[in-house]
């Protein structure tokens, strides 16, 4: 399973960037990243907030594999329609 940090782009979408460090310490190291994304396999992703007081999870996120828009399935679960069939 890969972990990604989300960077806000100019058009207001979040672009995932792979993160190799300790995902639990990301809130202490940098205030730049506000969301993390966990790859659960088969085109499924789970979104986490770094700040527990921030409850906004309504984000437009790009898929880290194919750059298409992720579809929201539940409150913090997203799915890629293109990568789902692969």
N, C-alpha and C. Protein backbone atom coordinates (compact mmCIF):
# COMPACT_ATOMS: atom_id res chain seq x y z
N UNK A 1 0.82 -1.18 0.00
CA UNK A 1 0.00 0.00 0.00
C UNK A 1 0.87 1.24 0.00
N UNK A 2 0.56 2.15 -0.89
CA UNK A 2 1.29 3.41 -0.97
C UNK A 2 0.53 4.51 -0.24
N UNK A 3 1.30 5.43 0.29
CA UNK A 3 0.73 6.62 0.92
C UNK A 3 1.12 7.82 0.07
N UNK A 4 0.19 8.75 -0.06
CA UNK A 4 0.40 9.95 -0.85
C UNK A 4 0.02 11.16 -0.01
N UNK A 5 0.70 12.28 -0.25
CA UNK A 5 0.28 13.56 0.29
C UNK A 5 -0.33 14.33 -0.86
N UNK A 6 -1.30 15.17 -0.56
CA UNK A 6 -2.02 15.88 -1.60
C UNK A 6 -1.56 17.33 -1.66
N UNK A 7 -1.19 17.76 -2.86
CA UNK A 7 -0.77 19.14 -3.10
C UNK A 7 -1.86 19.84 -3.88
N UNK A 8 -2.22 21.04 -3.45
CA UNK A 8 -3.23 21.83 -4.14
C UNK A 8 -2.64 22.45 -5.39
N UNK A 9 -3.30 22.27 -6.53
CA UNK A 9 -2.83 22.83 -7.79
C UNK A 9 -3.53 24.14 -8.08
N UNK A 10 -3.17 24.78 -9.20
CA UNK A 10 -3.72 26.08 -9.55
C UNK A 10 -5.21 26.02 -9.87
N UNK A 11 -5.68 24.89 -10.39
CA UNK A 11 -7.09 24.78 -10.76
C UNK A 11 -7.98 24.31 -9.61
N UNK A 12 -7.45 24.17 -8.41
CA UNK A 12 -8.24 23.82 -7.23
C UNK A 12 -8.38 22.33 -6.97
N UNK A 13 -7.72 21.51 -7.75
CA UNK A 13 -7.75 20.06 -7.50
C UNK A 13 -6.51 19.66 -6.70
N UNK A 14 -6.59 18.50 -6.11
CA UNK A 14 -5.46 17.98 -5.35
C UNK A 14 -4.73 16.94 -6.18
N UNK A 15 -3.41 17.08 -6.27
CA UNK A 15 -2.57 16.15 -7.01
C UNK A 15 -1.77 15.34 -6.00
N UNK A 16 -1.86 14.01 -6.06
CA UNK A 16 -1.13 13.17 -5.12
C UNK A 16 0.36 13.12 -5.43
N UNK A 17 1.13 13.12 -4.38
CA UNK A 17 2.59 13.00 -4.48
C UNK A 17 2.98 11.89 -3.51
N UNK A 18 3.73 10.91 -3.99
CA UNK A 18 4.08 9.76 -3.16
C UNK A 18 4.93 10.22 -1.97
N UNK A 19 4.69 9.58 -0.84
CA UNK A 19 5.37 9.95 0.39
C UNK A 19 6.00 8.70 0.99
N UNK A 20 7.31 8.72 1.17
CA UNK A 20 8.04 7.56 1.67
C UNK A 20 8.32 7.62 3.17
N UNK A 21 8.08 8.76 3.80
CA UNK A 21 8.40 8.91 5.21
C UNK A 21 7.34 8.32 6.12
N UNK A 22 7.46 8.64 7.40
CA UNK A 22 6.50 8.18 8.40
C UNK A 22 5.23 9.01 8.27
N UNK A 23 4.15 8.38 7.88
CA UNK A 23 2.90 9.08 7.61
C UNK A 23 2.28 9.64 8.90
N UNK A 24 2.62 9.09 10.05
CA UNK A 24 2.06 9.55 11.31
C UNK A 24 2.72 10.85 11.79
N UNK A 25 3.91 11.15 11.29
CA UNK A 25 4.61 12.37 11.70
C UNK A 25 4.46 13.51 10.71
N UNK A 26 3.65 13.36 9.70
CA UNK A 26 3.55 14.38 8.67
C UNK A 26 2.91 15.66 9.18
N UNK A 27 2.02 15.57 10.14
CA UNK A 27 1.40 16.75 10.70
C UNK A 27 2.36 17.59 11.51
N UNK A 28 3.35 16.96 12.11
CA UNK A 28 4.33 17.67 12.91
C UNK A 28 5.43 18.29 12.05
N UNK A 29 5.76 17.67 10.93
CA UNK A 29 6.87 18.13 10.11
C UNK A 29 6.50 19.29 9.20
N UNK A 30 5.31 19.27 8.64
CA UNK A 30 4.98 20.26 7.63
C UNK A 30 3.53 20.68 7.74
N UNK A 31 3.29 21.97 7.67
CA UNK A 31 1.92 22.47 7.65
C UNK A 31 1.41 22.61 6.23
N UNK A 32 2.27 22.31 5.27
CA UNK A 32 1.91 22.45 3.85
C UNK A 32 0.90 21.39 3.44
N UNK A 33 1.03 20.20 3.94
CA UNK A 33 0.13 19.11 3.55
C UNK A 33 -1.02 19.01 4.53
N UNK A 34 -2.24 19.01 4.01
CA UNK A 34 -3.42 18.94 4.87
C UNK A 34 -4.16 17.62 4.75
N UNK A 35 -3.89 16.87 3.68
CA UNK A 35 -4.58 15.61 3.45
C UNK A 35 -3.58 14.55 3.02
N UNK A 36 -3.85 13.32 3.41
CA UNK A 36 -3.07 12.18 2.93
C UNK A 36 -4.03 11.20 2.28
N UNK A 37 -3.50 10.41 1.36
CA UNK A 37 -4.30 9.45 0.61
C UNK A 37 -3.62 8.10 0.71
N UNK A 38 -4.39 7.07 1.01
CA UNK A 38 -3.86 5.72 1.15
C UNK A 38 -4.42 4.86 0.02
N UNK A 39 -3.54 4.21 -0.72
CA UNK A 39 -3.94 3.33 -1.81
C UNK A 39 -4.33 1.98 -1.23
N UNK A 40 -5.59 1.59 -1.43
CA UNK A 40 -6.08 0.32 -0.89
C UNK A 40 -6.12 -0.77 -1.95
N UNK A 41 -5.68 -0.48 -3.17
CA UNK A 41 -5.65 -1.47 -4.24
C UNK A 41 -6.93 -1.45 -5.06
N UNK A 42 -6.80 -1.91 -6.32
CA UNK A 42 -7.92 -2.00 -7.26
C UNK A 42 -8.65 -0.68 -7.48
N UNK A 43 -7.91 0.40 -7.49
CA UNK A 43 -8.50 1.71 -7.78
C UNK A 43 -9.24 2.32 -6.62
N UNK A 44 -9.05 1.82 -5.40
CA UNK A 44 -9.73 2.36 -4.22
C UNK A 44 -8.72 3.13 -3.37
N UNK A 45 -9.16 4.28 -2.85
CA UNK A 45 -8.30 5.15 -2.05
C UNK A 45 -9.06 5.64 -0.84
N UNK A 46 -8.33 5.88 0.26
CA UNK A 46 -8.92 6.40 1.48
C UNK A 46 -8.25 7.73 1.83
N UNK A 47 -9.04 8.74 2.11
CA UNK A 47 -8.56 10.09 2.40
C UNK A 47 -8.51 10.31 3.90
N UNK A 48 -7.41 10.89 4.37
CA UNK A 48 -7.25 11.23 5.78
C UNK A 48 -6.90 12.70 5.90
N UNK A 49 -7.43 13.34 6.94
CA UNK A 49 -7.06 14.71 7.26
C UNK A 49 -5.89 14.70 8.23
N UNK A 50 -4.91 15.56 7.99
CA UNK A 50 -3.78 15.68 8.92
C UNK A 50 -4.25 16.41 10.17
N UNK A 51 -5.09 17.43 9.99
CA UNK A 51 -5.64 18.20 11.10
C UNK A 51 -6.95 17.56 11.53
N UNK A 52 -7.05 16.98 12.73
CA UNK A 52 -8.30 16.33 13.14
C UNK A 52 -9.45 17.29 13.33
N UNK A 53 -9.18 18.59 13.50
CA UNK A 53 -10.24 19.57 13.67
C UNK A 53 -10.87 19.97 12.34
N UNK A 54 -10.20 19.69 11.24
CA UNK A 54 -10.72 20.00 9.91
C UNK A 54 -11.56 18.83 9.43
N UNK A 55 -12.85 19.07 9.24
CA UNK A 55 -13.76 18.00 8.83
C UNK A 55 -14.11 18.08 7.36
N UNK A 56 -13.51 18.99 6.60
CA UNK A 56 -13.82 19.14 5.19
C UNK A 56 -13.11 18.05 4.39
N UNK A 57 -13.86 17.09 3.89
CA UNK A 57 -13.29 16.04 3.06
C UNK A 57 -13.86 16.08 1.66
N UNK A 58 -14.54 17.16 1.30
CA UNK A 58 -15.12 17.29 -0.03
C UNK A 58 -14.05 17.88 -0.95
N UNK A 59 -13.24 17.03 -1.53
CA UNK A 59 -12.10 17.46 -2.33
C UNK A 59 -12.21 16.87 -3.73
N UNK A 60 -11.64 17.57 -4.69
CA UNK A 60 -11.49 17.04 -6.04
C UNK A 60 -10.06 16.53 -6.14
N UNK A 61 -9.91 15.21 -6.27
CA UNK A 61 -8.61 14.56 -6.21
C UNK A 61 -8.34 13.85 -7.53
N UNK A 62 -7.11 13.94 -7.99
CA UNK A 62 -6.67 13.21 -9.18
C UNK A 62 -6.10 11.86 -8.78
N UNK A 63 -6.29 10.87 -9.64
CA UNK A 63 -5.75 9.54 -9.39
C UNK A 63 -4.23 9.57 -9.53
N UNK A 64 -3.49 8.97 -8.60
CA UNK A 64 -2.04 8.97 -8.71
C UNK A 64 -1.51 8.11 -9.85
N UNK A 65 -2.30 7.19 -10.36
CA UNK A 65 -1.83 6.28 -11.41
C UNK A 65 -2.17 6.78 -12.81
N UNK A 66 -3.39 7.29 -13.01
CA UNK A 66 -3.80 7.67 -14.37
C UNK A 66 -4.22 9.13 -14.49
N UNK A 67 -4.20 9.90 -13.43
CA UNK A 67 -4.52 11.34 -13.38
C UNK A 67 -5.97 11.67 -13.71
N UNK A 68 -6.86 10.70 -13.67
CA UNK A 68 -8.28 11.01 -13.85
C UNK A 68 -8.87 11.43 -12.50
N UNK A 69 -10.06 11.98 -12.53
CA UNK A 69 -10.71 12.44 -11.31
C UNK A 69 -11.25 11.25 -10.52
N UNK A 70 -11.00 11.25 -9.20
CA UNK A 70 -11.51 10.20 -8.34
C UNK A 70 -12.97 10.48 -7.99
N UNK A 71 -13.76 9.42 -7.91
CA UNK A 71 -15.17 9.52 -7.58
C UNK A 71 -15.34 9.19 -6.10
N UNK A 72 -16.12 10.02 -5.42
CA UNK A 72 -16.36 9.81 -4.00
C UNK A 72 -17.38 8.70 -3.79
N UNK A 73 -17.01 7.69 -2.97
CA UNK A 73 -17.89 6.56 -2.70
C UNK A 73 -18.58 6.74 -1.36
N UNK A 74 -17.80 7.00 -0.32
CA UNK A 74 -18.34 7.29 1.01
C UNK A 74 -17.68 8.57 1.51
N UNK A 75 -17.81 8.85 2.80
CA UNK A 75 -17.31 10.11 3.35
C UNK A 75 -15.82 10.31 3.11
N UNK A 76 -15.01 9.27 3.26
CA UNK A 76 -13.57 9.43 3.06
C UNK A 76 -12.98 8.38 2.11
N UNK A 77 -13.81 7.66 1.39
CA UNK A 77 -13.34 6.68 0.41
C UNK A 77 -13.61 7.17 -1.00
N UNK A 78 -12.61 7.03 -1.84
CA UNK A 78 -12.70 7.44 -3.24
C UNK A 78 -12.34 6.27 -4.13
N UNK A 79 -12.80 6.34 -5.39
CA UNK A 79 -12.53 5.26 -6.32
C UNK A 79 -12.23 5.83 -7.69
N UNK A 80 -11.27 5.22 -8.37
CA UNK A 80 -10.94 5.60 -9.75
C UNK A 80 -11.70 4.67 -10.68
N UNK A 81 -12.48 5.24 -11.57
CA UNK A 81 -13.29 4.44 -12.47
C UNK A 81 -12.41 3.74 -13.50
N UNK A 82 -11.34 4.39 -13.93
CA UNK A 82 -10.46 3.80 -14.94
C UNK A 82 -9.60 2.68 -14.35
N UNK A 83 -9.00 2.91 -13.19
CA UNK A 83 -8.13 1.91 -12.57
C UNK A 83 -8.91 0.76 -11.91
N UNK A 84 -10.20 0.92 -11.74
CA UNK A 84 -11.01 -0.10 -11.08
C UNK A 84 -11.02 -1.41 -11.87
N UNK A 85 -11.07 -1.31 -13.19
CA UNK A 85 -11.15 -2.49 -14.02
C UNK A 85 -9.82 -3.16 -14.27
N UNK A 86 -8.73 -2.53 -13.92
CA UNK A 86 -7.41 -3.10 -14.19
C UNK A 86 -7.00 -4.10 -13.16
